[in-house]
PDB file of all heavy atoms in Angstrom:
ATOM      1  N   LEU A   1      19.139   7.527  -8.019  1.00  0.00           N
ATOM      2  CA  LEU A   1      18.673   6.981  -9.270  1.00  0.00           C
ATOM      3  C   LEU A   1      18.709   5.551  -9.154  1.00  0.00           C
ATOM      4  O   LEU A   1      17.699   4.841  -9.591  1.00  0.00           O
ATOM      5  CB  LEU A   1      19.572   7.433 -10.494  1.00  0.00           C
ATOM      6  CG  LEU A   1      19.191   6.784 -11.840  1.00  0.00           C
ATOM      7  CD1 LEU A   1      17.704   7.387 -12.125  1.00  0.00           C
ATOM      8  CD2 LEU A   1      20.136   7.226 -12.887  1.00  0.00           C
ATOM      9  N   GLY A   2      19.712   4.920  -8.546  1.00  0.00           N
ATOM     10  CA  GLY A   2      19.635   3.472  -8.260  1.00  0.00           C
ATOM     11  C   GLY A   2      18.504   2.979  -7.375  1.00  0.00           C
ATOM     12  O   GLY A   2      17.826   2.087  -7.648  1.00  0.00           O
ATOM     13  N   LYS A   3      18.246   3.785  -6.340  1.00  0.00           N
ATOM     14  CA  LYS A   3      17.092   3.515  -5.439  1.00  0.00           C
ATOM     15  C   LYS A   3      15.826   3.620  -6.196  1.00  0.00           C
ATOM     16  O   LYS A   3      14.874   2.704  -6.013  1.00  0.00           O
ATOM     17  CB  LYS A   3      17.077   4.465  -4.241  1.00  0.00           C
ATOM     18  CG  LYS A   3      18.000   4.280  -3.142  1.00  0.00           C
ATOM     19  CD  LYS A   3      17.945   5.348  -2.114  1.00  0.00           C
ATOM     20  CE  LYS A   3      16.591   5.660  -1.569  1.00  0.00           C
ATOM     21  NZ  LYS A   3      16.571   6.608  -0.473  1.00  0.00           N
ATOM     22  N   THR A   4      15.754   4.576  -7.114  1.00  0.00           N
ATOM     23  CA  THR A   4      14.463   4.570  -7.907  1.00  0.00           C
ATOM     24  C   THR A   4      14.283   3.375  -8.796  1.00  0.00           C
ATOM     25  O   THR A   4      13.162   2.890  -9.027  1.00  0.00           O
ATOM     26  CB  THR A   4      14.412   5.820  -8.773  1.00  0.00           C
ATOM     27  OG1 THR A   4      14.605   7.034  -7.943  1.00  0.00           O
ATOM     28  CG2 THR A   4      13.291   6.044  -9.555  1.00  0.00           C
ATOM     29  N   LYS A   5      15.315   2.880  -9.433  1.00  0.00           N
ATOM     30  CA  LYS A   5      15.312   1.634 -10.215  1.00  0.00           C
ATOM     31  C   LYS A   5      14.768   0.510  -9.402  1.00  0.00           C
ATOM     32  O   LYS A   5      13.877  -0.270  -9.796  1.00  0.00           O
ATOM     33  CB  LYS A   5      16.688   1.307 -10.779  1.00  0.00           C
ATOM     34  CG  LYS A   5      17.272   2.365 -11.725  1.00  0.00           C
ATOM     35  CD  LYS A   5      16.414   2.499 -12.991  1.00  0.00           C
ATOM     36  CE  LYS A   5      17.146   3.381 -14.015  1.00  0.00           C
ATOM     37  NZ  LYS A   5      16.304   3.621 -15.265  1.00  0.00           N
ATOM     38  N   SER A   6      15.211   0.413  -8.137  1.00  0.00           N
ATOM     39  CA  SER A   6      14.709  -0.738  -7.235  1.00  0.00           C
ATOM     40  C   SER A   6      13.288  -0.525  -6.840  1.00  0.00           C
ATOM     41  O   SER A   6      12.698  -1.424  -6.709  1.00  0.00           O
ATOM     42  CB  SER A   6      15.664  -0.873  -5.973  1.00  0.00           C
ATOM     43  OG  SER A   6      16.864  -1.496  -6.330  1.00  0.00           O
ATOM     44  N   SER A   7      12.933   0.777  -6.668  1.00  0.00           N
ATOM     45  CA  SER A   7      11.502   1.004  -6.372  1.00  0.00           C
ATOM     46  C   SER A   7      10.621   0.664  -7.496  1.00  0.00           C
ATOM     47  O   SER A   7       9.488   0.125  -7.334  1.00  0.00           O
ATOM     48  CB  SER A   7      11.335   2.438  -5.859  1.00  0.00           C
ATOM     49  OG  SER A   7      12.029   2.677  -4.737  1.00  0.00           O
ATOM     50  N   PHE A   8      10.968   0.964  -8.695  1.00  0.00           N
ATOM     51  CA  PHE A   8      10.318   0.516  -9.940  1.00  0.00           C
ATOM     52  C   PHE A   8      10.158  -0.907 -10.022  1.00  0.00           C
ATOM     53  O   PHE A   8       9.240  -1.571 -10.387  1.00  0.00           O
ATOM     54  CB  PHE A   8      10.862   1.102 -11.235  1.00  0.00           C
ATOM     55  CG  PHE A   8      10.421   2.464 -11.553  1.00  0.00           C
ATOM     56  CD1 PHE A   8      11.428   3.457 -11.732  1.00  0.00           C
ATOM     57  CD2 PHE A   8       9.027   2.822 -11.744  1.00  0.00           C
ATOM     58  CE1 PHE A   8      10.909   4.793 -12.051  1.00  0.00           C
ATOM     59  CE2 PHE A   8       8.602   3.997 -12.095  1.00  0.00           C
ATOM     60  CZ  PHE A   8       9.582   4.998 -12.239  1.00  0.00           C
ATOM     61  N   ALA A   9      11.248  -1.658  -9.542  1.00  0.00           N
ATOM     62  CA  ALA A   9      11.331  -3.034  -9.555  1.00  0.00           C
ATOM     63  C   ALA A   9      10.284  -3.532  -8.547  1.00  0.00           C
ATOM     64  O   ALA A   9       9.718  -4.645  -8.747  1.00  0.00           O
ATOM     65  CB  ALA A   9      12.673  -3.557  -9.124  1.00  0.00           C
ATOM     66  N   GLU A  10      10.105  -2.994  -7.339  1.00  0.00           N
ATOM     67  CA  GLU A  10       9.110  -3.384  -6.483  1.00  0.00           C
ATOM     68  C   GLU A  10       7.620  -3.290  -6.945  1.00  0.00           C
ATOM     69  O   GLU A  10       6.882  -4.114  -6.711  1.00  0.00           O
ATOM     70  CB  GLU A  10       9.237  -2.454  -5.106  1.00  0.00           C
ATOM     71  CG  GLU A  10      10.410  -2.537  -4.464  1.00  0.00           C
ATOM     72  CD  GLU A  10      10.670  -3.865  -3.537  1.00  0.00           C
ATOM     73  OE1 GLU A  10       9.661  -4.619  -3.483  1.00  0.00           O
ATOM     74  OE2 GLU A  10      11.730  -4.061  -2.920  1.00  0.00           O
ATOM     75  N   LEU A  11       7.460  -2.290  -7.873  1.00  0.00           N
ATOM     76  CA  LEU A  11       6.150  -2.182  -8.465  1.00  0.00           C
ATOM     77  C   LEU A  11       5.992  -3.400  -9.435  1.00  0.00           C
ATOM     78  O   LEU A  11       4.939  -3.943  -9.501  1.00  0.00           O
ATOM     79  CB  LEU A  11       5.975  -0.926  -9.214  1.00  0.00           C
ATOM     80  CG  LEU A  11       5.959   0.386  -8.370  1.00  0.00           C
ATOM     81  CD1 LEU A  11       5.549   1.529  -9.460  1.00  0.00           C
ATOM     82  CD2 LEU A  11       4.773   0.279  -7.410  1.00  0.00           C
ATOM     83  N   ALA A  12       7.076  -3.754 -10.149  1.00  0.00           N
ATOM     84  CA  ALA A  12       6.953  -4.932 -11.006  1.00  0.00           C
ATOM     85  C   ALA A  12       6.727  -6.214 -10.296  1.00  0.00           C
ATOM     86  O   ALA A  12       5.936  -7.007 -10.642  1.00  0.00           O
ATOM     87  CB  ALA A  12       8.350  -4.990 -11.778  1.00  0.00           C
ATOM     88  N   LEU A  13       7.271  -6.346  -9.091  1.00  0.00           N
ATOM     89  CA  LEU A  13       7.013  -7.489  -8.326  1.00  0.00           C
ATOM     90  C   LEU A  13       5.527  -7.554  -7.869  1.00  0.00           C
ATOM     91  O   LEU A  13       4.942  -8.656  -8.002  1.00  0.00           O
ATOM     92  CB  LEU A  13       7.885  -7.473  -7.038  1.00  0.00           C
ATOM     93  CG  LEU A  13       9.423  -7.775  -7.143  1.00  0.00           C
ATOM     94  CD1 LEU A  13      10.027  -7.658  -5.846  1.00  0.00           C
ATOM     95  CD2 LEU A  13       9.621  -9.096  -7.718  1.00  0.00           C
ATOM     96  N   ARG A  14       4.918  -6.467  -7.502  1.00  0.00           N
ATOM     97  CA  ARG A  14       3.594  -6.297  -7.164  1.00  0.00           C
ATOM     98  C   ARG A  14       2.664  -6.719  -8.308  1.00  0.00           C
ATOM     99  O   ARG A  14       1.613  -7.389  -8.121  1.00  0.00           O
ATOM    100  CB  ARG A  14       3.183  -4.938  -6.774  1.00  0.00           C
ATOM    101  CG  ARG A  14       3.739  -4.538  -5.342  1.00  0.00           C
ATOM    102  CD  ARG A  14       2.836  -4.893  -4.234  1.00  0.00           C
ATOM    103  NE  ARG A  14       3.468  -4.549  -2.992  1.00  0.00           N
ATOM    104  CZ  ARG A  14       2.849  -4.375  -1.908  1.00  0.00           C
ATOM    105  NH1 ARG A  14       1.435  -4.337  -1.900  1.00  0.00           N
ATOM    106  NH2 ARG A  14       3.282  -4.063  -0.724  1.00  0.00           N
ATOM    107  N   GLU A  15       3.110  -6.469  -9.484  1.00  0.00           N
ATOM    108  CA  GLU A  15       2.424  -6.832 -10.684  1.00  0.00           C
ATOM    109  C   GLU A  15       2.687  -8.212 -11.149  1.00  0.00           C
ATOM    110  O   GLU A  15       2.188  -8.707 -12.219  1.00  0.00           O
ATOM    111  CB  GLU A  15       2.594  -5.702 -11.819  1.00  0.00           C
ATOM    112  CG  GLU A  15       2.120  -4.363 -11.362  1.00  0.00           C
ATOM    113  CD  GLU A  15       2.735  -3.239 -12.311  1.00  0.00           C
ATOM    114  OE1 GLU A  15       3.652  -3.546 -13.036  1.00  0.00           O
ATOM    115  OE2 GLU A  15       2.157  -2.186 -12.177  1.00  0.00           O
ATOM    116  N   GLY A  16       3.626  -8.919 -10.519  1.00  0.00           N
ATOM    117  CA  GLY A  16       3.893 -10.279 -10.939  1.00  0.00           C
ATOM    118  C   GLY A  16       4.928 -10.438 -12.016  1.00  0.00           C
ATOM    119  O   GLY A  16       5.105 -11.544 -12.493  1.00  0.00           O
ATOM    120  N   ASP A  17       5.538  -9.364 -12.372  1.00  0.00           N
ATOM    121  CA  ASP A  17       6.465  -9.370 -13.508  1.00  0.00           C
ATOM    122  C   ASP A  17       7.835  -9.456 -12.949  1.00  0.00           C
ATOM    123  O   ASP A  17       8.690  -8.594 -12.799  1.00  0.00           O
ATOM    124  CB  ASP A  17       6.313  -8.158 -14.322  1.00  0.00           C
ATOM    125  CG  ASP A  17       7.020  -8.232 -15.715  1.00  0.00           C
ATOM    126  OD1 ASP A  17       7.918  -9.090 -15.869  1.00  0.00           O
ATOM    127  OD2 ASP A  17       6.825  -7.325 -16.539  1.00  0.00           O
ATOM    128  N   TYR A  18       8.307 -10.712 -12.579  1.00  0.00           N
ATOM    129  CA  TYR A  18       9.477 -10.999 -11.917  1.00  0.00           C
ATOM    130  C   TYR A  18      10.748 -10.650 -12.816  1.00  0.00           C
ATOM    131  O   TYR A  18      11.738 -10.263 -12.398  1.00  0.00           O
ATOM    132  CB  TYR A  18       9.547 -12.324 -11.381  1.00  0.00           C
ATOM    133  CG  TYR A  18       8.468 -12.670 -10.218  1.00  0.00           C
ATOM    134  CD1 TYR A  18       7.414 -13.343 -10.532  1.00  0.00           C
ATOM    135  CD2 TYR A  18       8.728 -12.085  -9.060  1.00  0.00           C
ATOM    136  CE1 TYR A  18       6.457 -13.651  -9.573  1.00  0.00           C
ATOM    137  CE2 TYR A  18       7.878 -12.318  -8.000  1.00  0.00           C
ATOM    138  CZ  TYR A  18       6.630 -13.006  -8.299  1.00  0.00           C
ATOM    139  OH  TYR A  18       5.687 -13.156  -7.320  1.00  0.00           O
ATOM    140  N   ARG A  19      10.590 -11.114 -14.122  1.00  0.00           N
ATOM    141  CA  ARG A  19      11.679 -10.788 -14.970  1.00  0.00           C
ATOM    142  C   ARG A  19      12.040  -9.265 -15.154  1.00  0.00           C
ATOM    143  O   ARG A  19      13.216  -8.907 -15.199  1.00  0.00           O
ATOM    144  CB  ARG A  19      11.375 -11.346 -16.401  1.00  0.00           C
ATOM    145  CG  ARG A  19      11.451 -12.999 -16.554  1.00  0.00           C
ATOM    146  CD  ARG A  19      12.867 -13.337 -16.099  1.00  0.00           C
ATOM    147  NE  ARG A  19      12.960 -14.861 -16.066  1.00  0.00           N
ATOM    148  CZ  ARG A  19      13.888 -15.551 -15.494  1.00  0.00           C
ATOM    149  NH1 ARG A  19      14.850 -14.895 -14.799  1.00  0.00           N
ATOM    150  NH2 ARG A  19      13.909 -16.844 -15.383  1.00  0.00           N
ATOM    151  N   ALA A  20      10.946  -8.515 -15.342  1.00  0.00           N
ATOM    152  CA  ALA A  20      11.214  -7.066 -15.326  1.00  0.00           C
ATOM    153  C   ALA A  20      11.768  -6.525 -13.982  1.00  0.00           C
ATOM    154  O   ALA A  20      12.733  -5.690 -14.014  1.00  0.00           O
ATOM    155  CB  ALA A  20       9.909  -6.320 -15.518  1.00  0.00           C
ATOM    156  N   ALA A  21      11.272  -7.105 -12.889  1.00  0.00           N
ATOM    157  CA  ALA A  21      11.878  -6.701 -11.590  1.00  0.00           C
ATOM    158  C   ALA A  21      13.360  -7.122 -11.505  1.00  0.00           C
ATOM    159  O   ALA A  21      14.296  -6.235 -11.106  1.00  0.00           O
ATOM    160  CB  ALA A  21      11.097  -7.428 -10.496  1.00  0.00           C
ATOM    161  N   ILE A  22      13.750  -8.259 -12.016  1.00  0.00           N
ATOM    162  CA  ILE A  22      15.099  -8.645 -11.966  1.00  0.00           C
ATOM    163  C   ILE A  22      16.019  -7.660 -12.759  1.00  0.00           C
ATOM    164  O   ILE A  22      17.148  -7.321 -12.353  1.00  0.00           O
ATOM    165  CB  ILE A  22      15.284 -10.154 -12.407  1.00  0.00           C
ATOM    166  CG1 ILE A  22      14.807 -11.057 -11.294  1.00  0.00           C
ATOM    167  CG2 ILE A  22      16.726 -10.425 -12.797  1.00  0.00           C
ATOM    168  CD1 ILE A  22      14.621 -12.436 -11.781  1.00  0.00           C
ATOM    169  N   GLY A  23      15.507  -7.268 -13.918  1.00  0.00           N
ATOM    170  CA  GLY A  23      16.216  -6.378 -14.804  1.00  0.00           C
ATOM    171  C   GLY A  23      16.431  -5.042 -14.143  1.00  0.00           C
ATOM    172  O   GLY A  23      17.520  -4.479 -14.211  1.00  0.00           O
ATOM    173  N   LEU A  24      15.495  -4.583 -13.388  1.00  0.00           N
ATOM    174  CA  LEU A  24      15.540  -3.308 -12.796  1.00  0.00           C
ATOM    175  C   LEU A  24      16.471  -3.292 -11.576  1.00  0.00           C
ATOM    176  O   LEU A  24      17.373  -2.495 -11.357  1.00  0.00           O
ATOM    177  CB  LEU A  24      14.106  -2.726 -12.374  1.00  0.00           C
ATOM    178  CG  LEU A  24      13.289  -2.248 -13.486  1.00  0.00           C
ATOM    179  CD1 LEU A  24      11.798  -2.219 -13.143  1.00  0.00           C
ATOM    180  CD2 LEU A  24      13.804  -0.849 -13.947  1.00  0.00           C
ATOM    181  N   PHE A  25      16.395  -4.373 -10.804  1.00  0.00           N
ATOM    182  CA  PHE A  25      17.357  -4.503  -9.589  1.00  0.00           C
ATOM    183  C   PHE A  25      18.868  -4.688 -10.182  1.00  0.00           C
ATOM    184  O   PHE A  25      19.637  -4.147  -9.534  1.00  0.00           O
ATOM    185  CB  PHE A  25      17.005  -5.824  -8.781  1.00  0.00           C
ATOM    186  CG  PHE A  25      15.794  -5.767  -7.979  1.00  0.00           C
ATOM    187  CD1 PHE A  25      14.757  -6.602  -8.010  1.00  0.00           C
ATOM    188  CD2 PHE A  25      15.756  -4.582  -7.066  1.00  0.00           C
ATOM    189  CE1 PHE A  25      13.726  -6.518  -7.162  1.00  0.00           C
ATOM    190  CE2 PHE A  25      14.571  -4.472  -6.200  1.00  0.00           C
ATOM    191  CZ  PHE A  25      13.577  -5.420  -6.227  1.00  0.00           C
ATOM    192  N   ARG A  26      19.055  -5.238 -11.234  1.00  0.00           N
ATOM    193  CA  ARG A  26      20.357  -5.303 -11.768  1.00  0.00           C
ATOM    194  C   ARG A  26      20.861  -4.036 -12.254  1.00  0.00           C
ATOM    195  O   ARG A  26      22.011  -3.731 -12.143  1.00  0.00           O
ATOM    196  CB  ARG A  26      20.386  -6.414 -13.056  1.00  0.00           C
ATOM    197  CG  ARG A  26      20.229  -7.868 -12.562  1.00  0.00           C
ATOM    198  CD  ARG A  26      20.311  -8.818 -13.718  1.00  0.00           C
ATOM    199  NE  ARG A  26      20.310 -10.158 -13.339  1.00  0.00           N
ATOM    200  CZ  ARG A  26      20.032 -11.185 -14.018  1.00  0.00           C
ATOM    201  NH1 ARG A  26      19.576 -11.043 -15.301  1.00  0.00           N
ATOM    202  NH2 ARG A  26      20.107 -12.470 -13.458  1.00  0.00           N
ATOM    203  N   GLN A  27      19.898  -3.084 -12.694  1.00  0.00           N
ATOM    204  CA  GLN A  27      20.413  -1.776 -13.015  1.00  0.00           C
ATOM    205  C   GLN A  27      20.878  -1.098 -11.848  1.00  0.00           C
ATOM    206  O   GLN A  27      21.919  -0.354 -11.873  1.00  0.00           O
ATOM    207  CB  GLN A  27      19.229  -1.025 -13.703  1.00  0.00           C
ATOM    208  CG  GLN A  27      18.938  -1.475 -15.126  1.00  0.00           C
ATOM    209  CD  GLN A  27      17.830  -0.477 -15.767  1.00  0.00           C
ATOM    210  OE1 GLN A  27      17.820   0.597 -15.560  1.00  0.00           O
ATOM    211  NE2 GLN A  27      16.824  -1.215 -16.295  1.00  0.00           N
ATOM    212  N   ASP A  28      20.151  -1.175 -10.716  1.00  0.00           N
ATOM    213  CA  ASP A  28      20.656  -0.714  -9.390  1.00  0.00           C
ATOM    214  C   ASP A  28      21.949  -1.247  -9.080  1.00  0.00           C
ATOM    215  O   ASP A  28      22.861  -0.504  -8.513  1.00  0.00           O
ATOM    216  CB  ASP A  28      19.592  -0.853  -8.401  1.00  0.00           C
ATOM    217  CG  ASP A  28      19.813  -0.108  -7.120  1.00  0.00           C
ATOM    218  OD1 ASP A  28      20.714   0.749  -7.021  1.00  0.00           O
ATOM    219  OD2 ASP A  28      19.023  -0.075  -6.209  1.00  0.00           O
ATOM    220  N   ILE A  29      22.103  -2.541  -9.188  1.00  0.00           N
ATOM    221  CA  ILE A  29      23.413  -3.204  -8.852  1.00  0.00           C
ATOM    222  C   ILE A  29      24.539  -2.604  -9.590  1.00  0.00           C
ATOM    223  O   ILE A  29      25.594  -2.414  -8.982  1.00  0.00           O
ATOM    224  CB  ILE A  29      23.299  -4.609  -8.975  1.00  0.00           C
ATOM    225  CG1 ILE A  29      22.697  -5.398  -7.768  1.00  0.00           C
ATOM    226  CG2 ILE A  29      24.706  -5.357  -9.254  1.00  0.00           C
ATOM    227  CD1 ILE A  29      22.765  -6.879  -7.739  1.00  0.00           C
ATOM    228  N   LEU A  30      24.337  -2.357 -10.880  1.00  0.00           N
ATOM    229  CA  LEU A  30      25.388  -1.785 -11.657  1.00  0.00           C
ATOM    230  C   LEU A  30      25.823  -0.357 -11.213  1.00  0.00           C
ATOM    231  O   LEU A  30      27.057  -0.105 -11.097  1.00  0.00           O
ATOM    232  CB  LEU A  30      25.044  -1.688 -13.136  1.00  0.00           C
ATOM    233  CG  LEU A  30      24.859  -2.986 -13.947  1.00  0.00           C
ATOM    234  CD1 LEU A  30      24.189  -2.757 -15.276  1.00  0.00           C
ATOM    235  CD2 LEU A  30      26.168  -3.715 -14.101  1.00  0.00           C
ATOM    236  N   ILE A  31      24.839   0.432 -10.732  1.00  0.00           N
ATOM    237  CA  ILE A  31      25.121   1.742 -10.193  1.00  0.00           C
ATOM    238  C   ILE A  31      25.813   1.619  -8.818  1.00  0.00           C
ATOM    239  O   ILE A  31      26.845   2.244  -8.546  1.00  0.00           O
ATOM    240  CB  ILE A  31      23.933   2.470  -9.985  1.00  0.00           C
ATOM    241  CG1 ILE A  31      23.276   2.914 -11.406  1.00  0.00           C
ATOM    242  CG2 ILE A  31      24.199   3.865  -9.196  1.00  0.00           C
ATOM    243  CD1 ILE A  31      21.946   3.604 -11.332  1.00  0.00           C
ATOM    244  N   GLY A  32      25.436   0.633  -8.027  1.00  0.00           N
ATOM    245  CA  GLY A  32      26.084   0.383  -6.686  1.00  0.00           C
ATOM    246  C   GLY A  32      27.447  -0.048  -6.813  1.00  0.00           C
ATOM    247  O   GLY A  32      28.372   0.331  -6.138  1.00  0.00           O
ATOM    248  N   ARG A  33      27.765  -0.872  -7.903  1.00  0.00           N
ATOM    249  CA  ARG A  33      29.129  -1.360  -8.090  1.00  0.00           C
ATOM    250  C   ARG A  33      29.926  -0.154  -8.559  1.00  0.00           C
ATOM    251  O   ARG A  33      31.108  -0.086  -8.120  1.00  0.00           O
ATOM    252  CB  ARG A  33      29.116  -2.525  -9.127  1.00  0.00           C
ATOM    253  CG  ARG A  33      28.631  -3.786  -8.632  1.00  0.00           C
ATOM    254  CD  ARG A  33      28.548  -4.828  -9.719  1.00  0.00           C
ATOM    255  NE  ARG A  33      28.103  -6.218  -9.185  1.00  0.00           N
ATOM    256  CZ  ARG A  33      27.669  -7.102  -9.997  1.00  0.00           C
ATOM    257  NH1 ARG A  33      27.671  -6.961 -11.333  1.00  0.00           N
ATOM    258  NH2 ARG A  33      27.302  -8.290  -9.548  1.00  0.00           N
ATOM    259  N   GLU A  34      29.459   0.664  -9.398  1.00  0.00           N
ATOM    260  CA  GLU A  34      30.198   1.771  -9.916  1.00  0.00           C
ATOM    261  C   GLU A  34      30.582   2.730  -8.795  1.00  0.00           C
ATOM    262  O   GLU A  34      31.725   3.183  -8.811  1.00  0.00           O
ATOM    263  CB  GLU A  34      29.388   2.480 -10.992  1.00  0.00           C
ATOM    264  CG  GLU A  34      30.147   3.664 -11.675  1.00  0.00           C
ATOM    265  CD  GLU A  34      29.240   4.408 -12.568  1.00  0.00           C
ATOM    266  OE1 GLU A  34      28.193   3.832 -13.049  1.00  0.00           O
ATOM    267  OE2 GLU A  34      29.598   5.468 -12.940  1.00  0.00           O
ATOM    268  N   LEU A  35      29.733   2.903  -7.821  1.00  0.00           N
ATOM    269  CA  LEU A  35      29.957   3.816  -6.756  1.00  0.00           C
ATOM    270  C   LEU A  35      30.641   3.104  -5.599  1.00  0.00           C
ATOM    271  O   LEU A  35      30.830   3.782  -4.549  1.00  0.00           O
ATOM    272  CB  LEU A  35      28.568   4.565  -6.290  1.00  0.00           C
ATOM    273  CG  LEU A  35      27.920   5.332  -7.491  1.00  0.00           C
ATOM    274  CD1 LEU A  35      26.617   5.836  -6.941  1.00  0.00           C
ATOM    275  CD2 LEU A  35      28.754   6.487  -7.815  1.00  0.00           C
ATOM    276  N   GLY A  36      30.704   1.807  -5.568  1.00  0.00           N
ATOM    277  CA  GLY A  36      31.185   1.017  -4.478  1.00  0.00           C
ATOM    278  C   GLY A  36      30.305   1.100  -3.276  1.00  0.00           C
ATOM    279  O   GLY A  36      30.813   1.162  -2.058  1.00  0.00           O
TER     280      GLY A  36
END
């Protein structure tokens, strides 16, 4: 699920929406921290 969040973030980057991408990457980071 975290990988998917980052992949959606990559789409946002392609569309030039950097703020949305940052928010999605941060969601993946939260999952990564939870799982170590």
